[in-house]
Amino acid sequence: MPLVNVKVIENVFTPEQKSRMIKKLTDVMVEIEGKNLRSNTLVIIEDIKEGDWAVGGNSLTAKDVHRIQRGEIAA
């Protein structure tokens, strides 16, 4: 059975966005592995505490990610 584990910075995505992620990721796995695996496809979304996620030695917060989404700072 497939397991998809997604890690995101807390406070970046809403519960509704996370629900959409779960549905779409499940749909992709079913497309690849077949419809009979839908009921056995696991999707886990883990929130990582702000500041505990770093890129290039720089910690990121939800505010930083939202600024990147808006194009205010380079990714």
PDB file of N, CA and C in Angstrom:
ATOM      1  N   MET A   1       0.833  -1.172   0.000  1.00  0.00           N
ATOM      2  CA  MET A   1       0.000   0.000   0.000  1.00  0.00           C
ATOM      3  C   MET A   1       0.878   1.236   0.000  1.00  0.00           C
ATOM      4  N   PRO A   2       0.557   2.234  -0.835  1.00  0.00           N
ATOM      5  CA  PRO A   2       1.377   3.433  -0.933  1.00  0.00           C
ATOM      6  C   PRO A   2       1.203   4.342   0.282  1.00  0.00           C
ATOM      7  N   LEU A   3       2.300   4.974   0.655  1.00  0.00           N
ATOM      8  CA  LEU A   3       2.293   5.985   1.718  1.00  0.00           C
ATOM      9  C   LEU A   3       2.957   7.227   1.168  1.00  0.00           C
ATOM     10  N   VAL A   4       2.247   8.341   1.186  1.00  0.00           N
ATOM     11  CA  VAL A   4       2.778   9.624   0.747  1.00  0.00           C
ATOM     12  C   VAL A   4       2.882  10.491   1.996  1.00  0.00           C
ATOM     13  N   ASN A   5       4.104  10.951   2.301  1.00  0.00           N
ATOM     14  CA  ASN A   5       4.335  11.760   3.492  1.00  0.00           C
ATOM     15  C   ASN A   5       4.783  13.141   3.043  1.00  0.00           C
ATOM     16  N   VAL A   6       3.981  14.153   3.372  1.00  0.00           N
ATOM     17  CA  VAL A   6       4.251  15.528   2.973  1.00  0.00           C
ATOM     18  C   VAL A   6       4.555  16.334   4.231  1.00  0.00           C
ATOM     19  N   LYS A   7       5.671  17.035   4.207  1.00  0.00           N
ATOM     20  CA  LYS A   7       6.044  17.878   5.335  1.00  0.00           C
ATOM     21  C   LYS A   7       5.930  19.328   4.896  1.00  0.00           C
ATOM     22  N   VAL A   8       5.237  20.120   5.705  1.00  0.00           N
ATOM     23  CA  VAL A   8       5.041  21.532   5.398  1.00  0.00           C
ATOM     24  C   VAL A   8       5.320  22.354   6.649  1.00  0.00           C
ATOM     25  N   ILE A   9       5.625  23.618   6.451  1.00  0.00           N
ATOM     26  CA  ILE A   9       5.809  24.519   7.585  1.00  0.00           C
ATOM     27  C   ILE A   9       4.440  24.863   8.146  1.00  0.00           C
ATOM     28  N   GLU A  10       4.310  24.758   9.473  1.00  0.00           N
ATOM     29  CA  GLU A  10       3.015  25.044  10.094  1.00  0.00           C
ATOM     30  C   GLU A  10       2.547  26.454   9.741  1.00  0.00           C
ATOM     31  N   ASN A  11       1.248  26.609   9.679  1.00  0.00           N
ATOM     32  CA  ASN A  11       0.584  27.892   9.417  1.00  0.00           C
ATOM     33  C   ASN A  11       0.750  28.412   7.993  1.00  0.00           C
ATOM     34  N   VAL A  12       1.230  27.572   7.084  1.00  0.00           N
ATOM     35  CA  VAL A  12       1.321  27.989   5.684  1.00  0.00           C
ATOM     36  C   VAL A  12       0.042  27.614   4.946  1.00  0.00           C
ATOM     37  N   PHE A  13      -0.442  26.389   5.141  1.00  0.00           N
ATOM     38  CA  PHE A  13      -1.616  25.903   4.421  1.00  0.00           C
ATOM     39  C   PHE A  13      -2.819  25.815   5.349  1.00  0.00           C
ATOM     40  N   THR A  14      -3.976  26.131   4.800  1.00  0.00           N
ATOM     41  CA  THR A  14      -5.219  26.034   5.554  1.00  0.00           C
ATOM     42  C   THR A  14      -5.669  24.572   5.595  1.00  0.00           C
ATOM     43  N   PRO A  15      -6.588  24.238   6.498  1.00  0.00           N
ATOM     44  CA  PRO A  15      -7.142  22.881   6.499  1.00  0.00           C
ATOM     45  C   PRO A  15      -7.769  22.512   5.147  1.00  0.00           C
ATOM     46  N   GLU A  16      -8.392  23.471   4.483  1.00  0.00           N
ATOM     47  CA  GLU A  16      -9.007  23.206   3.189  1.00  0.00           C
ATOM     48  C   GLU A  16      -7.938  22.883   2.145  1.00  0.00           C
ATOM     49  N   GLN A  17      -6.819  23.607   2.164  1.00  0.00           N
ATOM     50  CA  GLN A  17      -5.736  23.330   1.228  1.00  0.00           C
ATOM     51  C   GLN A  17      -5.132  21.947   1.495  1.00  0.00           C
ATOM     52  N   LYS A  18      -4.994  21.604   2.756  1.00  0.00           N
ATOM     53  CA  LYS A  18      -4.464  20.285   3.099  1.00  0.00           C
ATOM     54  C   LYS A  18      -5.411  19.181   2.619  1.00  0.00           C
ATOM     55  N   SER A  19      -6.701  19.396   2.753  1.00  0.00           N
ATOM     56  CA  SER A  19      -7.679  18.412   2.253  1.00  0.00           C
ATOM     57  C   SER A  19      -7.552  18.234   0.748  1.00  0.00           C
ATOM     58  N   ARG A  20      -7.359  19.344   0.028  1.00  0.00           N
ATOM     59  CA  ARG A  20      -7.166  19.264  -1.424  1.00  0.00           C
ATOM     60  C   ARG A  20      -5.890  18.507  -1.758  1.00  0.00           C
ATOM     61  N   MET A  21      -4.821  18.750  -0.990  1.00  0.00           N
ATOM     62  CA  MET A  21      -3.566  18.016  -1.200  1.00  0.00           C
ATOM     63  C   MET A  21      -3.796  16.521  -1.054  1.00  0.00           C
ATOM     64  N   ILE A  22      -4.483  16.141   0.011  1.00  0.00           N
ATOM     65  CA  ILE A  22      -4.742  14.725   0.279  1.00  0.00           C
ATOM     66  C   ILE A  22      -5.507  14.093  -0.874  1.00  0.00           C
ATOM     67  N   LYS A  23      -6.560  14.758  -1.326  1.00  0.00           N
ATOM     68  CA  LYS A  23      -7.361  14.213  -2.428  1.00  0.00           C
ATOM     69  C   LYS A  23      -6.537  14.085  -3.701  1.00  0.00           C
ATOM     70  N   LYS A  24      -5.814  15.143  -4.057  1.00  0.00           N
ATOM     71  CA  LYS A  24      -5.059  15.126  -5.307  1.00  0.00           C
ATOM     72  C   LYS A  24      -3.903  14.136  -5.261  1.00  0.00           C
ATOM     73  N   LEU A  25      -3.214  14.042  -4.133  1.00  0.00           N
ATOM     74  CA  LEU A  25      -2.123  13.077  -4.020  1.00  0.00           C
ATOM     75  C   LEU A  25      -2.647  11.645  -4.106  1.00  0.00           C
ATOM     76  N   THR A  26      -3.788  11.413  -3.474  1.00  0.00           N
ATOM     77  CA  THR A  26      -4.414  10.085  -3.563  1.00  0.00           C
ATOM     78  C   THR A  26      -4.794   9.785  -5.009  1.00  0.00           C
ATOM     79  N   ASP A  27      -5.386  10.755  -5.685  1.00  0.00           N
ATOM     80  CA  ASP A  27      -5.777  10.559  -7.084  1.00  0.00           C
ATOM     81  C   ASP A  27      -4.573  10.223  -7.962  1.00  0.00           C
ATOM     82  N   VAL A  28      -3.449  10.894  -7.735  1.00  0.00           N
ATOM     83  CA  VAL A  28      -2.244  10.628  -8.520  1.00  0.00           C
ATOM     84  C   VAL A  28      -1.760   9.202  -8.282  1.00  0.00           C
ATOM     85  N   MET A  29      -1.730   8.775  -7.026  1.00  0.00           N
ATOM     86  CA  MET A  29      -1.274   7.417  -6.725  1.00  0.00           C
ATOM     87  C   MET A  29      -2.204   6.381  -7.347  1.00  0.00           C
ATOM     88  N   VAL A  30      -3.503   6.629  -7.299  1.00  0.00           N
ATOM     89  CA  VAL A  30      -4.468   5.698  -7.902  1.00  0.00           C
ATOM     90  C   VAL A  30      -4.259   5.644  -9.416  1.00  0.00           C
ATOM     91  N   GLU A  31      -3.987   6.786 -10.027  1.00  0.00           N
ATOM     92  CA  GLU A  31      -3.720   6.829 -11.469  1.00  0.00           C
ATOM     93  C   GLU A  31      -2.494   5.977 -11.819  1.00  0.00           C
ATOM     94  N   ILE A  32      -1.496   5.985 -10.964  1.00  0.00           N
ATOM     95  CA  ILE A  32      -0.261   5.241 -11.222  1.00  0.00           C
ATOM     96  C   ILE A  32      -0.419   3.762 -10.879  1.00  0.00           C
ATOM     97  N   GLU A  33      -1.010   3.461  -9.726  1.00  0.00           N
ATOM     98  CA  GLU A  33      -1.012   2.089  -9.230  1.00  0.00           C
ATOM     99  C   GLU A  33      -2.339   1.343  -9.381  1.00  0.00           C
ATOM    100  N   GLY A  34      -3.385   2.059  -9.777  1.00  0.00           N
ATOM    101  CA  GLY A  34      -4.661   1.385 -10.010  1.00  0.00           C
ATOM    102  C   GLY A  34      -5.703   1.698  -8.952  1.00  0.00           C
ATOM    103  N   LYS A  35      -6.965   1.676  -9.400  1.00  0.00           N
ATOM    104  CA  LYS A  35      -8.083   2.087  -8.540  1.00  0.00           C
ATOM    105  C   LYS A  35      -8.280   1.191  -7.329  1.00  0.00           C
ATOM    106  N   ASN A  36      -7.841  -0.050  -7.393  1.00  0.00           N
ATOM    107  CA  ASN A  36      -8.037  -0.950  -6.257  1.00  0.00           C
ATOM    108  C   ASN A  36      -7.198  -0.575  -5.044  1.00  0.00           C
ATOM    109  N   LEU A  37      -6.213   0.282  -5.246  1.00  0.00           N
ATOM    110  CA  LEU A  37      -5.379   0.697  -4.115  1.00  0.00           C
ATOM    111  C   LEU A  37      -5.875   1.976  -3.434  1.00  0.00           C
ATOM    112  N   ARG A  38      -6.947   2.596  -3.957  1.00  0.00           N
ATOM    113  CA  ARG A  38      -7.442   3.842  -3.352  1.00  0.00           C
ATOM    114  C   ARG A  38      -7.686   3.679  -1.850  1.00  0.00           C
ATOM    115  N   SER A  39      -8.370   2.628  -1.454  1.00  0.00           N
ATOM    116  CA  SER A  39      -8.723   2.472  -0.034  1.00  0.00           C
ATOM    117  C   SER A  39      -7.515   2.126   0.835  1.00  0.00           C
ATOM    118  N   ASN A  40      -6.381   1.832   0.193  1.00  0.00           N
ATOM    119  CA  ASN A  40      -5.168   1.511   0.942  1.00  0.00           C
ATOM    120  C   ASN A  40      -4.074   2.553   0.749  1.00  0.00           C
ATOM    121  N   THR A  41      -4.419   3.689   0.167  1.00  0.00           N
ATOM    122  CA  THR A  41      -3.445   4.756  -0.050  1.00  0.00           C
ATOM    123  C   THR A  41      -3.457   5.691   1.152  1.00  0.00           C
ATOM    124  N   LEU A  42      -2.300   5.821   1.774  1.00  0.00           N
ATOM    125  CA  LEU A  42      -2.169   6.663   2.966  1.00  0.00           C
ATOM    126  C   LEU A  42      -1.477   7.967   2.600  1.00  0.00           C
ATOM    127  N   VAL A  43      -2.019   9.071   3.066  1.00  0.00           N
ATOM    128  CA  VAL A  43      -1.391  10.375   2.893  1.00  0.00           C
ATOM    129  C   VAL A  43      -1.277  11.003   4.274  1.00  0.00           C
ATOM    130  N   ILE A  44      -0.063  11.397   4.618  1.00  0.00           N
ATOM    131  CA  ILE A  44       0.181  12.041   5.906  1.00  0.00           C
ATOM    132  C   ILE A  44       0.747  13.429   5.629  1.00  0.00           C
ATOM    133  N   ILE A  45       0.147  14.430   6.223  1.00  0.00           N
ATOM    134  CA  ILE A  45       0.679  15.786   6.127  1.00  0.00           C
ATOM    135  C   ILE A  45       1.197  16.154   7.517  1.00  0.00           C
ATOM    136  N   GLU A  46       2.485  16.410   7.584  1.00  0.00           N
ATOM    137  CA  GLU A  46       3.122  16.754   8.856  1.00  0.00           C
ATOM    138  C   GLU A  46       3.464  18.239   8.871  1.00  0.00           C
ATOM    139  N   ASP A  47       3.042  18.922   9.920  1.00  0.00           N
ATOM    140  CA  ASP A  47       3.415  20.317  10.113  1.00  0.00           C
ATOM    141  C   ASP A  47       4.739  20.368  10.864  1.00  0.00           C
ATOM    142  N   ILE A  48       5.699  21.075  10.289  1.00  0.00           N
ATOM    143  CA  ILE A  48       6.984  21.294  10.926  1.00  0.00           C
ATOM    144  C   ILE A  48       6.951  22.687  11.553  1.00  0.00           C
ATOM    145  N   LYS A  49       7.361  22.767  12.799  1.00  0.00           N
ATOM    146  CA  LYS A  49       7.310  24.029  13.529  1.00  0.00           C
ATOM    147  C   LYS A  49       8.073  25.112  12.776  1.00  0.00           C
ATOM    148  N   GLU A  50       7.481  26.307  12.735  1.00  0.00           N
ATOM    149  CA  GLU A  50       8.155  27.437  12.110  1.00  0.00           C
ATOM    150  C   GLU A  50       9.528  27.627  12.753  1.00  0.00           C
ATOM    151  N   GLY A  51      10.516  27.875  11.926  1.00  0.00           N
ATOM    152  CA  GLY A  51      11.872  28.052  12.425  1.00  0.00           C
ATOM    153  C   GLY A  51      12.663  26.755  12.472  1.00  0.00           C
ATOM    154  N   ASP A  52      11.964  25.608  12.448  1.00  0.00           N
ATOM    155  CA  ASP A  52      12.641  24.309  12.441  1.00  0.00           C
ATOM    156  C   ASP A  52      12.903  23.822  11.022  1.00  0.00           C
ATOM    157  N   TRP A  53      12.571  24.619  10.043  1.00  0.00           N
ATOM    158  CA  TRP A  53      12.760  24.307   8.635  1.00  0.00           C
ATOM    159  C   TRP A  53      13.743  25.346   8.103  1.00  0.00           C
ATOM    160  N   ALA A  54      14.807  24.893   7.501  1.00  0.00           N
ATOM    161  CA  ALA A  54      15.813  25.835   7.008  1.00  0.00           C
ATOM    162  C   ALA A  54      16.250  25.460   5.604  1.00  0.00           C
ATOM    163  N   VAL A  55      16.595  26.484   4.842  1.00  0.00           N
ATOM    164  CA  VAL A  55      17.125  26.309   3.497  1.00  0.00           C
ATOM    165  C   VAL A  55      18.382  27.171   3.399  1.00  0.00           C
ATOM    166  N   GLY A  56      19.455  26.553   2.994  1.00  0.00           N
ATOM    167  CA  GLY A  56      20.701  27.292   2.855  1.00  0.00           C
ATOM    168  C   GLY A  56      21.187  27.903   4.153  1.00  0.00           C
ATOM    169  N   GLY A  57      20.845  27.261   5.263  1.00  0.00           N
ATOM    170  CA  GLY A  57      21.273  27.757   6.564  1.00  0.00           C
ATOM    171  C   GLY A  57      20.376  28.829   7.153  1.00  0.00           C
ATOM    172  N   ASN A  58      19.277  29.140   6.474  1.00  0.00           N
ATOM    173  CA  ASN A  58      18.347  30.170   6.949  1.00  0.00           C
ATOM    174  C   ASN A  58      17.010  29.543   7.317  1.00  0.00           C
ATOM    175  N   SER A  59      16.578  29.771   8.555  1.00  0.00           N
ATOM    176  CA  SER A  59      15.286  29.257   9.003  1.00  0.00           C
ATOM    177  C   SER A  59      14.150  29.979   8.292  1.00  0.00           C
ATOM    178  N   LEU A  60      13.076  29.237   8.036  1.00  0.00           N
ATOM    179  CA  LEU A  60      11.903  29.810   7.381  1.00  0.00           C
ATOM    180  C   LEU A  60      10.705  29.781   8.320  1.00  0.00           C
ATOM    181  N   THR A  61       9.903  30.813   8.240  1.00  0.00           N
ATOM    182  CA  THR A  61       8.636  30.875   8.964  1.00  0.00           C
ATOM    183  C   THR A  61       7.503  30.892   7.937  1.00  0.00           C
ATOM    184  N   ALA A  62       6.283  30.765   8.422  1.00  0.00           N
ATOM    185  CA  ALA A  62       5.128  30.848   7.528  1.00  0.00           C
ATOM    186  C   ALA A  62       5.103  32.206   6.825  1.00  0.00           C
ATOM    187  N   LYS A  63       5.459  33.249   7.554  1.00  0.00           N
ATOM    188  CA  LYS A  63       5.483  34.596   6.971  1.00  0.00           C
ATOM    189  C   LYS A  63       6.460  34.641   5.789  1.00  0.00           C
ATOM    190  N   ASP A  64       7.616  34.015   5.948  1.00  0.00           N
ATOM    191  CA  ASP A  64       8.586  33.970   4.853  1.00  0.00           C
ATOM    192  C   ASP A  64       7.999  33.261   3.634  1.00  0.00           C
ATOM    193  N   VAL A  65       7.341  32.130   3.866  1.00  0.00           N
ATOM    194  CA  VAL A  65       6.764  31.363   2.754  1.00  0.00           C
ATOM    195  C   VAL A  65       5.679  32.173   2.050  1.00  0.00           C
ATOM    196  N   HIS A  66       4.843  32.863   2.818  1.00  0.00           N
ATOM    197  CA  HIS A  66       3.781  33.681   2.209  1.00  0.00           C
ATOM    198  C   HIS A  66       4.393  34.814   1.372  1.00  0.00           C
ATOM    199  N   ARG A  67       5.492  35.370   1.842  1.00  0.00           N
ATOM    200  CA  ARG A  67       6.172  36.416   1.062  1.00  0.00           C
ATOM    201  C   ARG A  67       6.730  35.838  -0.234  1.00  0.00           C
ATOM    202  N   ILE A  68       7.254  34.612  -0.186  1.00  0.00           N
ATOM    203  CA  ILE A  68       7.744  33.952  -1.399  1.00  0.00           C
ATOM    204  C   ILE A  68       6.577  33.701  -2.349  1.00  0.00           C
ATOM    205  N   GLN A  69       5.441  33.230  -1.820  1.00  0.00           N
ATOM    206  CA  GLN A  69       4.258  32.968  -2.649  1.00  0.00           C
ATOM    207  C   GLN A  69       3.802  34.227  -3.382  1.00  0.00           C
ATOM    208  N   ARG A  70       3.902  35.365  -2.710  1.00  0.00           N
ATOM    209  CA  ARG A  70       3.490  36.638  -3.310  1.00  0.00           C
ATOM    210  C   ARG A  70       4.555  37.221  -4.240  1.00  0.00           C
ATOM    211  N   GLY A  71       5.735  36.597  -4.286  1.00  0.00           N
ATOM    212  CA  GLY A  71       6.812  37.079  -5.143  1.00  0.00           C
ATOM    213  C   GLY A  71       7.597  38.227  -4.549  1.00  0.00           C
ATOM    214  N   GLU A  72       7.431  38.445  -3.244  1.00  0.00           N
ATOM    215  CA  GLU A  72       8.133  39.564  -2.593  1.00  0.00           C
ATOM    216  C   GLU A  72       9.609  39.267  -2.353  1.00  0.00           C
ATOM    217  N   ILE A  73       9.933  37.991  -2.196  1.00  0.00           N
ATOM    218  CA  ILE A  73      11.327  37.582  -2.039  1.00  0.00           C
ATOM    219  C   ILE A  73      11.576  36.364  -2.892  1.00  0.00           C
ATOM    220  N   ALA A  74      12.813  36.176  -3.306  1.00  0.00           N
ATOM    221  CA  ALA A  74      13.160  35.041  -4.155  1.00  0.00           C
ATOM    222  C   ALA A  74      13.088  33.750  -3.372  1.00  0.00           C
ATOM    223  N   ALA A  75      12.677  32.692  -4.050  1.00  0.00           N
ATOM    224  CA  ALA A  75      12.593  31.368  -3.412  1.00  0.00           C
ATOM    225  C   ALA A  75      13.972  30.793  -3.207  1.00  0.00           C
TER     226      ALA A  75
END
